[in-house]
Amino acid sequence: MNEELALEARNRAGNKFKMGLNCSEAIVQTFNEMLNNPLNSDALKMATGFGGGLGHAGCMCGALTGSVMALGLFKGRFDPAESREPAYNLAHDFHDRFLNQYEATCCRVLNPHEFDSQDHLRRCLKLTGGTAKLLMEFLQEKKLVDDEFTWPDMAQ
């Protein structure tokens, strides 16, 4: 496993969060870049409402939902005749990996601080970067990204 890929994913997602994207947006945009931008800006907007555990509802962590959206780029379907099971299996496996790592999937449990406070933002930064790293490790383990991969804007 190429640890540099996972660290680059963590850094990119963390930097996007620091620049003002929410957790879900940061994950989706990071992995969209990784795949050389298959999603246009209108498609990227779909991640916005997942931040804050579904728009401040405090439910499912936006970094986790953004990760499942990114997994859809690998195994999602467009045609209902195609099996949904490959995408479901990846989503379920990553959910379990996330839960094992962080011991919760609920935003308000993962980050009990007042929304947008310094403590809240620090915790979300750590969760966003950590989730991007976890997702890249997961993608490598599942052989969806190989050790020879380089980020498109870092290619020589």
C-alpha atoms as a PDB file:
ATOM      1  CA  MET A   1       0.000   0.000   0.000  1.00  0.00           C
ATOM      2  CA  ASN A   2       1.278   3.434  -0.940  1.00  0.00           C
ATOM      3  CA  GLU A   3       1.035   5.499   2.253  1.00  0.00           C
ATOM      4  CA  GLU A   4       1.966   8.670   0.331  1.00  0.00           C
ATOM      5  CA  LEU A   5      -1.322   8.483  -1.582  1.00  0.00           C
ATOM      6  CA  ALA A   6      -3.294   8.315   1.650  1.00  0.00           C
ATOM      7  CA  LEU A   7      -1.374  11.210   3.163  1.00  0.00           C
ATOM      8  CA  GLU A   8      -1.871  13.286   0.005  1.00  0.00           C
ATOM      9  CA  ALA A   9      -5.624  12.612   0.156  1.00  0.00           C
ATOM     10  CA  ARG A  10      -5.649  13.674   3.821  1.00  0.00           C
ATOM     11  CA  ASN A  11      -3.735  16.867   3.059  1.00  0.00           C
ATOM     12  CA  ARG A  12      -5.847  17.804   0.042  1.00  0.00           C
ATOM     13  CA  ALA A  13      -9.147  17.277   1.829  1.00  0.00           C
ATOM     14  CA  GLY A  14      -7.877  19.082   4.926  1.00  0.00           C
ATOM     15  CA  ASN A  15      -6.718  22.043   2.854  1.00  0.00           C
ATOM     16  CA  LYS A  16     -10.057  22.230   1.084  1.00  0.00           C
ATOM     17  CA  PHE A  17     -11.796  22.255   4.469  1.00  0.00           C
ATOM     18  CA  LYS A  18      -9.457  25.011   5.704  1.00  0.00           C
ATOM     19  CA  MET A  19     -10.325  27.036   2.587  1.00  0.00           C
ATOM     20  CA  GLY A  20     -14.015  26.945   3.516  1.00  0.00           C
ATOM     21  CA  LEU A  21     -15.507  23.815   1.981  1.00  0.00           C
ATOM     22  CA  ASN A  22     -17.542  21.656   4.321  1.00  0.00           C
ATOM     23  CA  CYS A  23     -16.490  18.088   5.136  1.00  0.00           C
ATOM     24  CA  SER A  24     -18.562  16.434   2.424  1.00  0.00           C
ATOM     25  CA  GLU A  25     -17.557  18.939  -0.261  1.00  0.00           C
ATOM     26  CA  ALA A  26     -13.881  18.548   0.639  1.00  0.00           C
ATOM     27  CA  ILE A  27     -14.007  14.755   0.302  1.00  0.00           C
ATOM     28  CA  VAL A  28     -15.971  14.771  -2.960  1.00  0.00           C
ATOM     29  CA  GLN A  29     -13.792  17.441  -4.549  1.00  0.00           C
ATOM     30  CA  THR A  30     -10.571  15.709  -3.459  1.00  0.00           C
ATOM     31  CA  PHE A  31     -11.569  12.380  -4.976  1.00  0.00           C
ATOM     32  CA  ASN A  32     -13.022  14.040  -8.066  1.00  0.00           C
ATOM     33  CA  GLU A  33      -9.578  15.593  -8.624  1.00  0.00           C
ATOM     34  CA  MET A  34      -7.987  12.194  -8.075  1.00  0.00           C
ATOM     35  CA  LEU A  35     -10.030  10.815 -10.960  1.00  0.00           C
ATOM     36  CA  ASN A  36      -9.178  13.771 -13.199  1.00  0.00           C
ATOM     37  CA  ASN A  37     -12.453  15.647 -12.647  1.00  0.00           C
ATOM     38  CA  PRO A  38     -15.230  13.482 -14.068  1.00  0.00           C
ATOM     39  CA  LEU A  39     -17.797  15.602 -12.192  1.00  0.00           C
ATOM     40  CA  ASN A  40     -18.578  19.105 -13.346  1.00  0.00           C
ATOM     41  CA  SER A  41     -19.142  22.008 -10.956  1.00  0.00           C
ATOM     42  CA  ASP A  42     -22.918  21.478 -10.942  1.00  0.00           C
ATOM     43  CA  ALA A  43     -22.478  17.854  -9.896  1.00  0.00           C
ATOM     44  CA  LEU A  44     -20.021  18.878  -7.170  1.00  0.00           C
ATOM     45  CA  LYS A  45     -22.692  21.149  -5.669  1.00  0.00           C
ATOM     46  CA  MET A  46     -24.659  18.049  -4.649  1.00  0.00           C
ATOM     47  CA  ALA A  47     -22.265  17.463  -1.735  1.00  0.00           C
ATOM     48  CA  THR A  48     -23.034  20.781  -0.018  1.00  0.00           C
ATOM     49  CA  GLY A  49     -26.175  19.738   1.857  1.00  0.00           C
ATOM     50  CA  PHE A  50     -24.453  16.749   3.455  1.00  0.00           C
ATOM     51  CA  GLY A  51     -22.226  18.939   5.650  1.00  0.00           C
ATOM     52  CA  GLY A  52     -23.118  19.301   9.301  1.00  0.00           C
ATOM     53  CA  GLY A  53     -24.676  15.862   9.355  1.00  0.00           C
ATOM     54  CA  LEU A  54     -27.239  16.701   6.663  1.00  0.00           C
ATOM     55  CA  GLY A  55     -27.532  20.464   6.832  1.00  0.00           C
ATOM     56  CA  HIS A  56     -26.864  20.951  10.552  1.00  0.00           C
ATOM     57  CA  ALA A  57     -29.188  18.097  11.539  1.00  0.00           C
ATOM     58  CA  GLY A  58     -26.209  16.390  13.192  1.00  0.00           C
ATOM     59  CA  CYS A  59     -26.979  13.028  11.616  1.00  0.00           C
ATOM     60  CA  MET A  60     -24.679  11.045   9.307  1.00  0.00           C
ATOM     61  CA  CYS A  61     -21.191  12.599   9.198  1.00  0.00           C
ATOM     62  CA  GLY A  62     -20.650  14.600   6.006  1.00  0.00           C
ATOM     63  CA  ALA A  63     -17.141  13.194   5.556  1.00  0.00           C
ATOM     64  CA  LEU A  64     -18.677   9.722   5.534  1.00  0.00           C
ATOM     65  CA  THR A  65     -21.492  10.635   3.137  1.00  0.00           C
ATOM     66  CA  GLY A  66     -19.008  12.422   0.875  1.00  0.00           C
ATOM     67  CA  SER A  67     -16.889   9.273   0.880  1.00  0.00           C
ATOM     68  CA  VAL A  68     -19.857   7.163  -0.185  1.00  0.00           C
ATOM     69  CA  MET A  69     -20.518   9.670  -2.974  1.00  0.00           C
ATOM     70  CA  ALA A  70     -16.883   9.311  -4.067  1.00  0.00           C
ATOM     71  CA  LEU A  71     -17.165   5.509  -3.967  1.00  0.00           C
ATOM     72  CA  GLY A  72     -20.048   5.846  -6.405  1.00  0.00           C
ATOM     73  CA  LEU A  73     -17.555   7.187  -8.942  1.00  0.00           C
ATOM     74  CA  PHE A  74     -15.920   3.753  -8.844  1.00  0.00           C
ATOM     75  CA  LYS A  75     -18.871   1.392  -8.583  1.00  0.00           C
ATOM     76  CA  GLY A  76     -22.047   3.441  -8.989  1.00  0.00           C
ATOM     77  CA  ARG A  77     -24.537   2.732 -11.724  1.00  0.00           C
ATOM     78  CA  PHE A  78     -26.498   4.778 -14.213  1.00  0.00           C
ATOM     79  CA  ASP A  79     -28.542   1.976 -15.743  1.00  0.00           C
ATOM     80  CA  PRO A  80     -31.113   0.260 -13.463  1.00  0.00           C
ATOM     81  CA  ALA A  81     -30.365  -3.011 -15.280  1.00  0.00           C
ATOM     82  CA  GLU A  82     -26.903  -2.968 -13.707  1.00  0.00           C
ATOM     83  CA  SER A  83     -26.441  -4.489 -10.275  1.00  0.00           C
ATOM     84  CA  ARG A  84     -26.392  -2.058  -7.366  1.00  0.00           C
ATOM     85  CA  GLU A  85     -24.663  -4.599  -5.142  1.00  0.00           C
ATOM     86  CA  PRO A  86     -21.060  -3.603  -5.984  1.00  0.00           C
ATOM     87  CA  ALA A  87     -21.799  -0.034  -4.843  1.00  0.00           C
ATOM     88  CA  TYR A  88     -23.794  -1.201  -1.837  1.00  0.00           C
ATOM     89  CA  ASN A  89     -21.008  -3.557  -0.777  1.00  0.00           C
ATOM     90  CA  LEU A  90     -18.374  -0.814  -1.004  1.00  0.00           C
ATOM     91  CA  ALA A  91     -20.565   1.651   0.899  1.00  0.00           C
ATOM     92  CA  HIS A  92     -21.311  -0.884   3.629  1.00  0.00           C
ATOM     93  CA  ASP A  93     -17.673  -1.926   3.961  1.00  0.00           C
ATOM     94  CA  PHE A  94     -16.491   1.685   4.145  1.00  0.00           C
ATOM     95  CA  HIS A  95     -19.219   2.535   6.656  1.00  0.00           C
ATOM     96  CA  ASP A  96     -17.969  -0.287   8.867  1.00  0.00           C
ATOM     97  CA  ARG A  97     -14.350   0.858   8.444  1.00  0.00           C
ATOM     98  CA  PHE A  98     -15.319   4.416   9.404  1.00  0.00           C
ATOM     99  CA  LEU A  99     -17.338   3.197  12.395  1.00  0.00           C
ATOM    100  CA  ASN A 100     -14.436   1.044  13.562  1.00  0.00           C
ATOM    101  CA  GLN A 101     -12.035   4.009  13.241  1.00  0.00           C
ATOM    102  CA  TYR A 102     -14.196   6.688  14.864  1.00  0.00           C
ATOM    103  CA  GLU A 103     -16.666   4.628  16.956  1.00  0.00           C
ATOM    104  CA  ALA A 104     -19.653   6.594  15.616  1.00  0.00           C
ATOM    105  CA  THR A 105     -21.118   7.805  12.329  1.00  0.00           C
ATOM    106  CA  CYS A 106     -23.348  10.560  13.695  1.00  0.00           C
ATOM    107  CA  CYS A 107     -22.002  14.111  13.310  1.00  0.00           C
ATOM    108  CA  ARG A 108     -23.185  15.327  16.708  1.00  0.00           C
ATOM    109  CA  VAL A 109     -21.578  12.325  18.428  1.00  0.00           C
ATOM    110  CA  LEU A 110     -18.299  12.681  16.521  1.00  0.00           C
ATOM    111  CA  ASN A 111     -18.180  16.424  17.135  1.00  0.00           C
ATOM    112  CA  PRO A 112     -20.191  17.641  20.153  1.00  0.00           C
ATOM    113  CA  HIS A 113     -18.813  21.195  20.002  1.00  0.00           C
ATOM    114  CA  GLU A 114     -20.947  24.195  19.045  1.00  0.00           C
ATOM    115  CA  PHE A 115     -21.237  24.373  15.268  1.00  0.00           C
ATOM    116  CA  ASP A 116     -18.583  26.620  13.670  1.00  0.00           C
ATOM    117  CA  SER A 117     -16.770  27.185  16.980  1.00  0.00           C
ATOM    118  CA  GLN A 118     -12.964  26.852  16.887  1.00  0.00           C
ATOM    119  CA  ASP A 119     -13.180  23.472  18.652  1.00  0.00           C
ATOM    120  CA  HIS A 120     -15.819  22.303  16.191  1.00  0.00           C
ATOM    121  CA  LEU A 121     -13.776  23.387  13.165  1.00  0.00           C
ATOM    122  CA  ARG A 122     -10.605  21.742  14.525  1.00  0.00           C
ATOM    123  CA  ARG A 123     -12.453  18.464  15.087  1.00  0.00           C
ATOM    124  CA  CYS A 124     -14.053  18.581  11.624  1.00  0.00           C
ATOM    125  CA  LEU A 125     -10.676  19.292  10.036  1.00  0.00           C
ATOM    126  CA  LYS A 126      -9.241  16.216  11.743  1.00  0.00           C
ATOM    127  CA  LEU A 127     -12.255  14.077  10.755  1.00  0.00           C
ATOM    128  CA  THR A 128     -12.234  15.307   7.151  1.00  0.00           C
ATOM    129  CA  GLY A 129      -8.533  14.705   6.611  1.00  0.00           C
ATOM    130  CA  GLY A 130      -8.621  11.421   8.497  1.00  0.00           C
ATOM    131  CA  THR A 131     -11.589  10.200   6.483  1.00  0.00           C
ATOM    132  CA  ALA A 132      -9.901  11.086   3.179  1.00  0.00           C
ATOM    133  CA  LYS A 133      -6.846   9.107   4.294  1.00  0.00           C
ATOM    134  CA  LEU A 134      -9.054   6.202   5.369  1.00  0.00           C
ATOM    135  CA  LEU A 135     -10.875   6.285   2.026  1.00  0.00           C
ATOM    136  CA  MET A 136      -7.655   6.253   0.000  1.00  0.00           C
ATOM    137  CA  GLU A 137      -6.354   3.312   2.041  1.00  0.00           C
ATOM    138  CA  PHE A 138      -9.691   1.563   1.467  1.00  0.00           C
ATOM    139  CA  LEU A 139      -9.527   2.207  -2.293  1.00  0.00           C
ATOM    140  CA  GLN A 140      -6.021   0.771  -2.427  1.00  0.00           C
ATOM    141  CA  GLU A 141      -7.006  -2.258  -0.382  1.00  0.00           C
ATOM    142  CA  LYS A 142      -9.978  -2.900  -2.685  1.00  0.00           C
ATOM    143  CA  LYS A 143      -7.641  -2.550  -5.706  1.00  0.00           C
ATOM    144  CA  LEU A 144      -9.618   0.406  -7.075  1.00  0.00           C
ATOM    145  CA  VAL A 145      -6.414   2.482  -6.962  1.00  0.00           C
ATOM    146  CA  ASP A 146      -3.028   0.882  -7.486  1.00  0.00           C
ATOM    147  CA  ASP A 147       0.334   1.802  -5.987  1.00  0.00           C
ATOM    148  CA  GLU A 148       1.434   3.363  -9.275  1.00  0.00           C
ATOM    149  CA  PHE A 149      -1.304   6.005  -9.152  1.00  0.00           C
ATOM    150  CA  THR A 150      -0.214   9.646  -9.149  1.00  0.00           C
ATOM    151  CA  TRP A 151      -2.477  12.626  -8.615  1.00  0.00           C
ATOM    152  CA  PRO A 152      -3.256  14.196 -12.003  1.00  0.00           C
ATOM    153  CA  ASP A 153      -1.758  17.590 -11.153  1.00  0.00           C
ATOM    154  CA  MET A 154       1.408  15.951  -9.813  1.00  0.00           C
ATOM    155  CA  ALA A 155       2.159  13.856 -12.891  1.00  0.00           C
ATOM    156  CA  GLN A 156       5.498  14.641 -14.480  1.00  0.00           C
END
